[in-house]
Amino acid sequence: MKCSPQTEALAYRIWALARSRGWDMHVGQIASELEVDSARVRRVVQVKGWQPRLRSNTAAEFSPVFNLAAVSLRDIEKEVPYVR
């Protein structure tokens, strides 16, 4: 499938970012980092055949429960104001 120059430019940005992180990302993270709609990123990834390289979205990543191994108390305190 032939892509427009804008799509090819986005594909390069996706490839460069994902490659720099060892492809250990999912579409949502790429979209967030590049400030691009996730549906557009997903489509480019599918067209280029990169989906198997990327991490899949899992329910655990979107769980409201904190992963305390990855989040420090200081980070939590920044997000949740102290109320007396």
N, C-alpha and C. Protein backbone atom coordinates (compact mmCIF):
# COMPACT_ATOMS: atom_id res chain seq x y z
N MET A 1 0.84 -1.18 0.00
CA MET A 1 0.00 0.00 0.00
C MET A 1 0.88 1.24 0.00
N LYS A 2 0.60 2.14 -0.92
CA LYS A 2 1.37 3.37 -1.01
C LYS A 2 0.87 4.37 0.02
N CYS A 3 1.80 4.97 0.73
CA CYS A 3 1.45 5.94 1.79
C CYS A 3 1.78 7.35 1.33
N SER A 4 1.05 8.31 1.87
CA SER A 4 1.33 9.72 1.58
C SER A 4 2.65 10.12 2.25
N PRO A 5 3.26 11.21 1.79
CA PRO A 5 4.49 11.68 2.44
C PRO A 5 4.30 11.96 3.94
N GLN A 6 3.12 12.47 4.33
CA GLN A 6 2.86 12.74 5.75
C GLN A 6 2.83 11.45 6.55
N THR A 7 2.22 10.41 5.97
CA THR A 7 2.16 9.12 6.65
C THR A 7 3.55 8.50 6.75
N GLU A 8 4.33 8.62 5.70
CA GLU A 8 5.71 8.09 5.74
C GLU A 8 6.53 8.83 6.79
N ALA A 9 6.33 10.15 6.91
CA ALA A 9 7.05 10.92 7.93
C ALA A 9 6.65 10.45 9.33
N LEU A 10 5.35 10.22 9.54
CA LEU A 10 4.89 9.71 10.83
C LEU A 10 5.45 8.31 11.07
N ALA A 11 5.48 7.49 10.05
CA ALA A 11 6.03 6.14 10.18
C ALA A 11 7.49 6.20 10.63
N TYR A 12 8.25 7.13 10.06
CA TYR A 12 9.65 7.27 10.46
C TYR A 12 9.75 7.68 11.93
N ARG A 13 8.91 8.62 12.35
CA ARG A 13 8.93 9.07 13.75
C ARG A 13 8.58 7.92 14.69
N ILE A 14 7.58 7.13 14.30
CA ILE A 14 7.18 5.96 15.11
C ILE A 14 8.33 4.97 15.18
N TRP A 15 8.91 4.66 14.03
CA TRP A 15 10.02 3.70 13.96
C TRP A 15 11.20 4.17 14.82
N ALA A 16 11.56 5.44 14.70
CA ALA A 16 12.72 5.96 15.45
C ALA A 16 12.48 5.89 16.95
N LEU A 17 11.29 6.29 17.40
CA LEU A 17 10.98 6.25 18.83
C LEU A 17 10.94 4.82 19.34
N ALA A 18 10.20 3.97 18.66
CA ALA A 18 10.06 2.58 19.12
C ALA A 18 11.40 1.85 19.10
N ARG A 19 12.18 2.08 18.07
CA ARG A 19 13.50 1.43 17.97
C ARG A 19 14.42 1.88 19.10
N SER A 20 14.35 3.17 19.44
CA SER A 20 15.21 3.69 20.52
C SER A 20 14.84 3.08 21.87
N ARG A 21 13.63 2.57 22.01
CA ARG A 21 13.17 1.96 23.25
C ARG A 21 13.10 0.44 23.14
N GLY A 22 13.72 -0.11 22.11
CA GLY A 22 13.75 -1.57 21.95
C GLY A 22 12.37 -2.14 21.63
N TRP A 23 11.50 -1.34 21.05
CA TRP A 23 10.13 -1.73 20.70
C TRP A 23 9.32 -2.12 21.93
N ASP A 24 9.78 -1.75 23.12
CA ASP A 24 9.09 -2.08 24.37
C ASP A 24 8.10 -0.97 24.72
N MET A 25 7.15 -0.77 23.84
CA MET A 25 6.13 0.27 23.99
C MET A 25 4.84 -0.27 23.40
N HIS A 26 3.75 0.38 23.73
CA HIS A 26 2.50 0.06 23.04
C HIS A 26 2.03 1.31 22.30
N VAL A 27 1.04 1.13 21.45
CA VAL A 27 0.56 2.21 20.58
C VAL A 27 0.20 3.46 21.37
N GLY A 28 -0.47 3.30 22.49
CA GLY A 28 -0.86 4.45 23.29
C GLY A 28 0.31 5.27 23.77
N GLN A 29 1.39 4.61 24.16
CA GLN A 29 2.59 5.32 24.61
C GLN A 29 3.22 6.09 23.45
N ILE A 30 3.28 5.45 22.29
CA ILE A 30 3.86 6.11 21.12
C ILE A 30 3.04 7.34 20.76
N ALA A 31 1.73 7.18 20.72
CA ALA A 31 0.85 8.30 20.39
C ALA A 31 1.03 9.45 21.37
N SER A 32 1.13 9.12 22.64
CA SER A 32 1.32 10.14 23.67
C SER A 32 2.65 10.86 23.49
N GLU A 33 3.71 10.11 23.29
CA GLU A 33 5.04 10.70 23.13
C GLU A 33 5.12 11.61 21.90
N LEU A 34 4.49 11.16 20.80
CA LEU A 34 4.55 11.91 19.55
C LEU A 34 3.43 12.94 19.42
N GLU A 35 2.52 12.94 20.40
CA GLU A 35 1.37 13.85 20.38
C GLU A 35 0.57 13.70 19.09
N VAL A 36 0.23 12.43 18.78
CA VAL A 36 -0.52 12.07 17.59
C VAL A 36 -1.67 11.19 18.04
N ASP A 37 -2.79 11.24 17.34
CA ASP A 37 -3.95 10.41 17.66
C ASP A 37 -3.56 8.93 17.62
N SER A 38 -3.97 8.19 18.64
CA SER A 38 -3.59 6.78 18.73
C SER A 38 -4.14 5.95 17.57
N ALA A 39 -5.31 6.31 17.03
CA ALA A 39 -5.85 5.57 15.89
C ALA A 39 -4.95 5.72 14.68
N ARG A 40 -4.38 6.89 14.50
CA ARG A 40 -3.46 7.12 13.38
C ARG A 40 -2.17 6.30 13.56
N VAL A 41 -1.66 6.30 14.77
CA VAL A 41 -0.45 5.51 15.06
C VAL A 41 -0.75 4.04 14.84
N ARG A 42 -1.87 3.56 15.34
CA ARG A 42 -2.24 2.15 15.19
C ARG A 42 -2.31 1.76 13.71
N ARG A 43 -2.91 2.64 12.90
CA ARG A 43 -3.05 2.35 11.46
C ARG A 43 -1.68 2.26 10.79
N VAL A 44 -0.80 3.20 11.08
CA VAL A 44 0.55 3.18 10.49
C VAL A 44 1.29 1.92 10.92
N VAL A 45 1.20 1.58 12.18
CA VAL A 45 1.86 0.37 12.70
C VAL A 45 1.33 -0.87 11.98
N GLN A 46 0.03 -0.93 11.75
CA GLN A 46 -0.55 -2.07 11.04
C GLN A 46 -0.07 -2.13 9.59
N VAL A 47 -0.10 -0.99 8.91
CA VAL A 47 0.32 -0.94 7.50
C VAL A 47 1.78 -1.35 7.35
N LYS A 48 2.62 -0.91 8.27
CA LYS A 48 4.05 -1.22 8.21
C LYS A 48 4.38 -2.62 8.74
N GLY A 49 3.41 -3.27 9.39
CA GLY A 49 3.65 -4.62 9.90
C GLY A 49 4.46 -4.66 11.18
N TRP A 50 4.41 -3.60 11.95
CA TRP A 50 5.22 -3.51 13.17
C TRP A 50 4.49 -3.99 14.42
N GLN A 51 3.23 -4.33 14.33
CA GLN A 51 2.44 -4.71 15.50
C GLN A 51 3.09 -5.83 16.32
N PRO A 52 3.62 -6.89 15.68
CA PRO A 52 4.25 -7.95 16.48
C PRO A 52 5.47 -7.49 17.29
N ARG A 53 6.13 -6.43 16.85
CA ARG A 53 7.30 -5.93 17.58
C ARG A 53 6.92 -5.20 18.86
N LEU A 54 5.74 -4.56 18.84
CA LEU A 54 5.32 -3.73 19.96
C LEU A 54 4.70 -4.56 21.07
N ARG A 55 4.72 -4.00 22.26
CA ARG A 55 4.05 -4.60 23.40
C ARG A 55 2.55 -4.40 23.22
N SER A 56 1.78 -5.36 23.62
CA SER A 56 0.33 -5.20 23.51
C SER A 56 -0.19 -4.47 24.74
N ASN A 57 -1.30 -3.79 24.59
CA ASN A 57 -1.95 -3.15 25.73
C ASN A 57 -2.54 -4.24 26.60
N THR A 58 -2.31 -4.15 27.88
CA THR A 58 -2.90 -5.12 28.79
C THR A 58 -3.76 -4.40 29.81
N ALA A 59 -4.73 -5.08 30.34
CA ALA A 59 -5.62 -4.47 31.33
C ALA A 59 -4.83 -3.99 32.54
N ALA A 60 -3.77 -4.68 32.90
CA ALA A 60 -2.98 -4.32 34.07
C ALA A 60 -2.35 -2.93 33.91
N GLU A 61 -1.99 -2.57 32.68
CA GLU A 61 -1.37 -1.26 32.46
C GLU A 61 -2.36 -0.13 32.68
N PHE A 62 -3.64 -0.41 32.52
CA PHE A 62 -4.65 0.62 32.66
C PHE A 62 -5.42 0.48 33.96
N SER A 63 -4.96 -0.37 34.84
CA SER A 63 -5.63 -0.59 36.10
C SER A 63 -5.50 0.63 37.00
N PRO A 64 -6.54 0.98 37.74
CA PRO A 64 -6.42 2.12 38.65
C PRO A 64 -5.57 1.81 39.87
N VAL A 65 -5.21 0.56 40.08
CA VAL A 65 -4.38 0.17 41.21
C VAL A 65 -2.94 0.58 40.90
N PHE A 66 -2.29 1.21 41.85
CA PHE A 66 -0.91 1.63 41.65
C PHE A 66 0.02 0.44 41.60
N ASN A 67 0.97 0.50 40.69
CA ASN A 67 2.07 -0.45 40.68
C ASN A 67 3.15 0.19 41.54
N LEU A 68 3.20 -0.17 42.81
CA LEU A 68 4.09 0.51 43.75
C LEU A 68 5.56 0.30 43.46
N ALA A 69 5.87 -0.72 42.68
CA ALA A 69 7.26 -0.91 42.30
C ALA A 69 7.69 0.17 41.31
N ALA A 70 6.74 0.73 40.55
CA ALA A 70 7.07 1.70 39.52
C ALA A 70 6.76 3.14 39.94
N VAL A 71 6.00 3.32 40.99
CA VAL A 71 5.59 4.65 41.41
C VAL A 71 6.10 4.91 42.82
N SER A 72 6.81 6.02 42.97
CA SER A 72 7.32 6.34 44.30
C SER A 72 6.27 7.12 45.08
N LEU A 73 6.40 7.14 46.38
CA LEU A 73 5.48 7.89 47.23
C LEU A 73 5.51 9.37 46.88
N ARG A 74 6.67 9.89 46.55
CA ARG A 74 6.80 11.29 46.19
C ARG A 74 5.97 11.59 44.94
N ASP A 75 5.97 10.68 43.95
CA ASP A 75 5.15 10.87 42.74
C ASP A 75 3.68 10.88 43.08
N ILE A 76 3.27 10.00 43.99
CA ILE A 76 1.86 9.94 44.39
C ILE A 76 1.47 11.22 45.11
N GLU A 77 2.33 11.71 45.98
CA GLU A 77 2.03 12.93 46.72
C GLU A 77 1.89 14.14 45.80
N LYS A 78 2.60 14.16 44.70
CA LYS A 78 2.46 15.25 43.74
C LYS A 78 1.08 15.23 43.09
N GLU A 79 0.57 14.04 42.85
CA GLU A 79 -0.71 13.89 42.16
C GLU A 79 -1.91 14.02 43.09
N VAL A 80 -1.76 13.61 44.35
CA VAL A 80 -2.88 13.61 45.29
C VAL A 80 -2.60 14.65 46.37
N PRO A 81 -3.38 15.74 46.40
CA PRO A 81 -3.12 16.77 47.40
C PRO A 81 -3.44 16.26 48.82
N TYR A 82 -2.67 16.72 49.76
CA TYR A 82 -2.88 16.34 51.15
C TYR A 82 -4.09 17.09 51.70
N VAL A 83 -5.02 16.36 52.28
CA VAL A 83 -6.22 16.95 52.85
C VAL A 83 -6.28 16.59 54.31
N ARG A 84 -6.54 17.58 55.17
CA ARG A 84 -6.64 17.31 56.61
C ARG A 84 -8.06 17.13 57.00
